[in-house]
Protein backbone atom coordinates (compact mmCIF):
# COMPACT_ATOMS: atom_id res chain seq x y z
CA MET A 1 -70.80 -11.90 3.21
CA SER A 2 -67.21 -10.96 2.33
CA LEU A 3 -64.36 -11.96 4.61
CA GLU A 4 -61.84 -9.33 5.67
CA SER A 5 -58.19 -10.19 5.31
CA PRO A 6 -56.15 -10.44 8.54
CA PHE A 7 -54.19 -7.35 7.45
CA ARG A 8 -57.40 -5.33 6.95
CA ARG A 9 -58.71 -6.39 10.36
CA TRP A 10 -55.40 -5.38 11.97
CA LEU A 11 -55.44 -2.04 10.15
CA ASN A 12 -58.98 -1.31 11.31
CA ALA A 13 -58.08 -2.26 14.87
CA ILE A 14 -55.22 0.24 15.16
CA ARG A 15 -56.89 3.09 13.24
CA PRO A 16 -57.77 5.93 15.62
CA VAL A 17 -61.48 6.41 16.26
CA PRO A 18 -62.58 9.79 14.86
CA SER A 19 -63.34 12.20 17.63
CA THR A 20 -66.55 14.23 17.58
CA ARG A 21 -65.09 16.70 19.99
CA THR A 22 -64.42 20.25 18.82
CA TYR A 23 -60.93 21.43 19.82
CA THR A 24 -60.18 24.93 20.91
CA LYS A 25 -57.58 27.01 19.07
CA ALA A 26 -55.15 26.55 21.97
CA GLU A 27 -55.58 22.77 21.87
CA LEU A 28 -55.12 22.71 18.10
CA ALA A 29 -51.94 24.78 18.43
CA GLN A 30 -50.66 22.38 21.10
CA LYS A 31 -51.37 19.37 18.87
CA GLN A 32 -49.48 21.05 16.02
CA LYS A 33 -46.51 21.66 18.31
CA GLN A 34 -46.53 18.00 19.31
CA LYS A 35 -46.55 16.93 15.66
CA THR A 36 -43.65 19.29 14.89
CA LEU A 37 -41.71 17.97 17.87
CA LEU A 38 -42.27 14.36 16.80
CA ARG A 39 -41.14 15.13 13.24
CA GLY A 40 -38.04 16.91 14.54
CA THR A 41 -37.19 14.06 16.90
CA PHE A 42 -37.61 11.53 14.12
CA GLY A 43 -35.39 13.66 11.86
CA LEU A 44 -32.66 13.83 14.51
CA ILE A 45 -32.79 10.06 14.96
CA VAL A 46 -32.41 9.52 11.21
CA LEU A 47 -29.61 12.08 11.03
CA ALA A 48 -27.77 10.53 13.98
CA GLY A 49 -28.12 7.07 12.47
CA GLY A 50 -26.82 8.28 9.12
CA GLY A 51 -23.90 10.02 10.82
CA TRP A 52 -23.04 6.90 12.78
CA TYR A 53 -23.11 4.81 9.60
CA ALA A 54 -20.99 7.35 7.71
CA TYR A 55 -18.45 7.54 10.55
CA ASN A 56 -18.11 3.76 10.71
CA TYR A 57 -17.86 3.50 6.94
CA ILE A 58 -15.14 6.15 6.73
CA SER A 59 -13.20 4.82 9.73
CA SER A 60 -13.22 1.31 8.25
CA ALA A 61 -11.65 2.53 4.98
CA PRO A 62 -8.05 1.50 5.86
CA GLN A 63 -9.13 -2.04 6.72
CA ARG A 64 -11.29 -2.33 3.61
CA ALA A 65 -8.41 -1.01 1.49
CA LYS A 66 -6.03 -3.56 3.03
CA THR A 67 -8.42 -6.40 2.23
CA VAL A 68 -8.45 -5.34 -1.43
CA LEU A 69 -4.65 -4.85 -1.39
CA ASP A 70 -4.17 -8.40 -0.10
CA GLN A 71 -6.27 -9.68 -3.00
CA GLY A 72 -4.02 -7.79 -5.40
CA MET A 73 -0.90 -9.21 -3.76
CA LEU A 74 -2.11 -12.70 -4.66
CA GLN A 75 -1.77 -11.68 -8.33
CA MET A 76 1.78 -10.36 -7.99
CA GLY A 77 3.83 -12.68 -10.15
CA PRO A 78 5.13 -13.15 -13.69
CA GLY A 79 2.30 -12.92 -16.19
CA LYS A 80 -0.17 -11.64 -13.59
CA TYR A 81 1.03 -8.13 -12.75
CA GLN A 82 -1.59 -6.61 -15.06
CA ASP A 83 -4.29 -8.47 -13.13
CA ALA A 84 -3.01 -7.07 -9.83
CA ILE A 85 -3.21 -3.39 -10.81
CA PRO A 86 -7.06 -3.09 -10.69
CA PHE A 87 -6.99 -4.26 -7.07
CA PHE A 88 -4.43 -1.58 -6.17
CA ASP A 89 -6.53 1.00 -8.06
CA ARG A 90 -9.54 0.03 -5.97
CA ALA A 91 -7.56 0.12 -2.71
CA ILE A 92 -6.47 3.67 -3.55
CA SER A 93 -10.05 4.70 -4.37
CA ILE A 94 -11.12 3.40 -0.94
CA SER A 95 -8.25 5.02 0.96
CA ALA A 96 -6.33 7.64 -1.04
CA GLY A 97 -3.67 7.95 1.67
CA TYR A 98 -2.67 4.27 1.67
CA PRO A 99 1.09 4.24 0.80
CA GLU A 100 1.37 0.47 0.32
CA ALA A 101 -1.25 0.55 -2.44
CA TYR A 102 0.85 3.07 -4.41
CA LEU A 103 4.01 1.07 -3.64
CA TYR A 104 2.74 -2.23 -4.99
CA ARG A 105 1.03 -0.61 -7.96
CA GLY A 106 4.39 0.98 -8.74
CA ILE A 107 6.16 -2.38 -8.43
CA ALA A 108 3.59 -4.02 -10.73
CA GLU A 109 3.99 -1.21 -13.26
CA HIS A 110 7.78 -1.53 -13.09
CA ASN A 111 7.52 -5.25 -13.85
CA LEU A 112 5.33 -4.39 -16.84
CA GLY A 113 7.94 -1.95 -18.12
CA GLN A 114 5.79 1.11 -17.31
CA ASN A 115 8.63 2.91 -15.57
CA ASP A 116 7.32 6.47 -15.80
CA SER A 117 3.99 5.67 -14.15
CA ALA A 118 5.82 3.41 -11.68
CA LEU A 119 8.01 6.32 -10.56
CA ILE A 120 4.94 8.50 -10.02
CA ASP A 121 3.38 5.86 -7.77
CA LEU A 122 6.62 5.18 -5.91
CA ASP A 123 7.12 8.92 -5.35
CA LYS A 124 3.61 9.10 -3.89
CA ALA A 125 4.27 6.10 -1.65
CA ALA A 126 7.47 7.67 -0.31
CA ASP A 127 5.72 11.01 0.24
CA LEU A 128 2.98 9.33 2.27
CA ASN A 129 5.46 7.21 4.25
CA PRO A 130 9.06 8.46 4.13
CA ASN A 131 10.20 5.29 5.94
CA LEU A 132 8.90 2.94 3.25
CA VAL A 133 12.31 1.59 2.26
CA ARG A 134 11.06 -0.61 -0.54
CA ALA A 135 9.90 2.48 -2.44
CA TYR A 136 13.51 3.73 -2.51
CA ASP A 137 14.87 0.30 -3.49
CA GLU A 138 12.42 0.05 -6.37
CA ARG A 139 13.15 3.59 -7.55
CA GLY A 140 16.86 2.78 -7.45
CA ARG A 141 16.35 -0.21 -9.75
CA ILE A 142 14.32 1.87 -12.18
CA TYR A 143 16.99 4.60 -12.31
CA GLU A 144 19.61 1.90 -12.94
CA GLU A 145 17.57 0.65 -15.89
CA LYS A 146 17.29 4.21 -17.16
CA GLY A 147 21.09 4.53 -16.98
CA ASP A 148 21.06 7.13 -14.21
CA THR A 149 23.48 5.38 -11.85
CA ALA A 150 24.04 8.43 -9.64
CA LYS A 151 20.32 8.68 -8.90
CA ALA A 152 20.17 4.95 -8.28
CA ILE A 153 22.95 5.23 -5.69
CA ASP A 154 21.08 8.09 -4.03
CA GLU A 155 17.93 5.95 -3.73
CA PHE A 156 19.80 2.94 -2.32
CA SER A 157 21.55 5.26 0.15
CA LYS A 158 18.19 6.57 1.38
CA SER A 159 17.02 3.00 1.89
CA ILE A 160 20.17 2.02 3.80
CA LYS A 161 19.97 5.11 6.01
CA ILE A 162 16.44 4.20 7.11
CA GLN A 163 16.89 0.44 7.37
CA PRO A 164 20.11 -1.26 6.19
CA SER A 165 19.41 -4.32 4.08
CA THR A 166 21.44 -6.86 2.17
CA ASP A 167 19.67 -6.12 -1.11
CA ALA A 168 20.29 -2.38 -0.86
CA TYR A 169 23.98 -2.83 0.01
CA TYR A 170 24.50 -5.25 -2.85
CA ALA A 171 22.62 -3.06 -5.36
CA ARG A 172 24.57 0.03 -4.30
CA ALA A 173 27.87 -1.87 -4.54
CA LEU A 174 27.08 -2.86 -8.13
CA ALA A 175 26.12 0.75 -8.90
CA TYR A 176 29.42 2.03 -7.49
CA GLU A 177 31.22 -0.51 -9.66
CA LYS A 178 29.46 0.88 -12.74
CA LEU A 179 30.96 4.25 -11.86
CA GLY A 180 34.37 2.67 -11.26
CA ASP A 181 34.29 3.69 -7.58
CA HIS A 182 35.84 0.50 -6.18
CA GLN A 183 36.70 2.05 -2.81
CA LYS A 184 33.01 2.64 -2.05
CA ALA A 185 31.85 -0.61 -3.62
CA LEU A 186 34.04 -2.82 -1.42
CA PRO A 187 32.48 -2.04 2.01
CA ASP A 188 29.01 -2.44 0.50
CA PHE A 189 29.95 -5.88 -0.82
CA ASP A 190 31.34 -6.69 2.64
CA ASN A 191 28.05 -5.71 4.31
CA ALA A 192 26.01 -7.64 1.78
CA ILE A 193 28.09 -10.81 2.16
CA LEU A 194 27.56 -10.77 5.93
CA GLU A 195 24.01 -11.91 5.15
CA MET A 196 24.73 -13.60 1.80
CA ARG A 197 27.39 -16.09 2.86
CA GLU A 198 25.95 -18.77 0.60
CA ALA A 199 25.65 -16.56 -2.50
CA PRO A 200 28.57 -17.35 -4.83
CA TYR A 201 27.79 -14.44 -7.17
CA ALA A 202 28.38 -11.98 -4.31
CA TYR A 203 31.90 -13.33 -3.76
CA ARG A 204 32.66 -13.23 -7.49
CA ALA A 205 31.47 -9.63 -7.67
CA ARG A 206 33.65 -8.68 -4.70
CA ALA A 207 36.58 -10.51 -6.26
CA LEU A 208 36.40 -8.20 -9.27
CA THR A 209 36.44 -5.19 -6.96
CA LYS A 210 39.44 -6.54 -5.06
CA ASP A 211 41.24 -7.14 -8.34
CA ALA A 212 40.59 -3.53 -9.30
CA LEU A 213 42.01 -2.41 -5.96
CA GLY A 214 45.14 -4.57 -6.37
CA ASP A 215 44.18 -7.15 -3.75
CA ALA A 216 45.00 -10.27 -5.76
CA ASP A 217 45.10 -12.58 -2.74
CA GLY A 218 41.70 -11.37 -1.50
CA ALA A 219 40.24 -11.78 -4.98
CA LYS A 220 41.59 -15.31 -5.22
CA GLU A 221 40.13 -16.20 -1.83
CA ASP A 222 36.69 -14.91 -2.86
CA ARG A 223 36.75 -16.93 -6.08
CA GLU A 224 37.73 -20.06 -4.18
CA THR A 225 34.89 -19.46 -1.72
CA ALA A 226 32.43 -19.05 -4.58
CA HIS A 227 33.73 -22.30 -6.17
CA THR A 228 33.33 -24.15 -2.86
CA ILE A 229 29.74 -22.94 -2.49
CA ASP A 230 28.98 -24.02 -6.06
CA GLY A 231 30.37 -27.46 -5.21
CA ARG A 232 28.01 -27.76 -2.26
């Protein structure tokens, strides 16, 4: 005598017992309606579940993109910028409207000397978030390297208008000096030094501007301050 497996016994136990009854046409039609209703209900449940999953997946895109961006930021350093770019690429593929991903990819490209592609990414970052001051700062540096000092000044000015910063003031002051516009360079050096009181190079740069403006005493004072800081 052969032994049934536990699965076979369970299957036999739940299998409906064939009915010998003959159904009327009305009863058969009703049974068909019930089957159709069950199939439709099951389909709606599957559709609702799929929609819920899709909604949660799409709504989580910014957070998933940020997680990948953070991984890329860990690679941002000399000799590793090329390794960071694939992470920023992936963050953009997850969330195409993520301005920081374009920003940092642009910064990485700039550090790799890929200035044209960097400008494209920085333009996109600024378009997505017009208040992203670092995009303007980075574009200003690239235009300086390209020799377009007027454009560089325009970028630093945009940055300062949104959120004044020491770096932007100092960079714009140096750009004004390149154009020989000492009158505009001086107040920018002043603003930069308010936050760079221990930076001797800032005083030396301002001393040159004061010399150009005929302020010999002010220039001498700045050089002495720079020398004192160096001594410390």
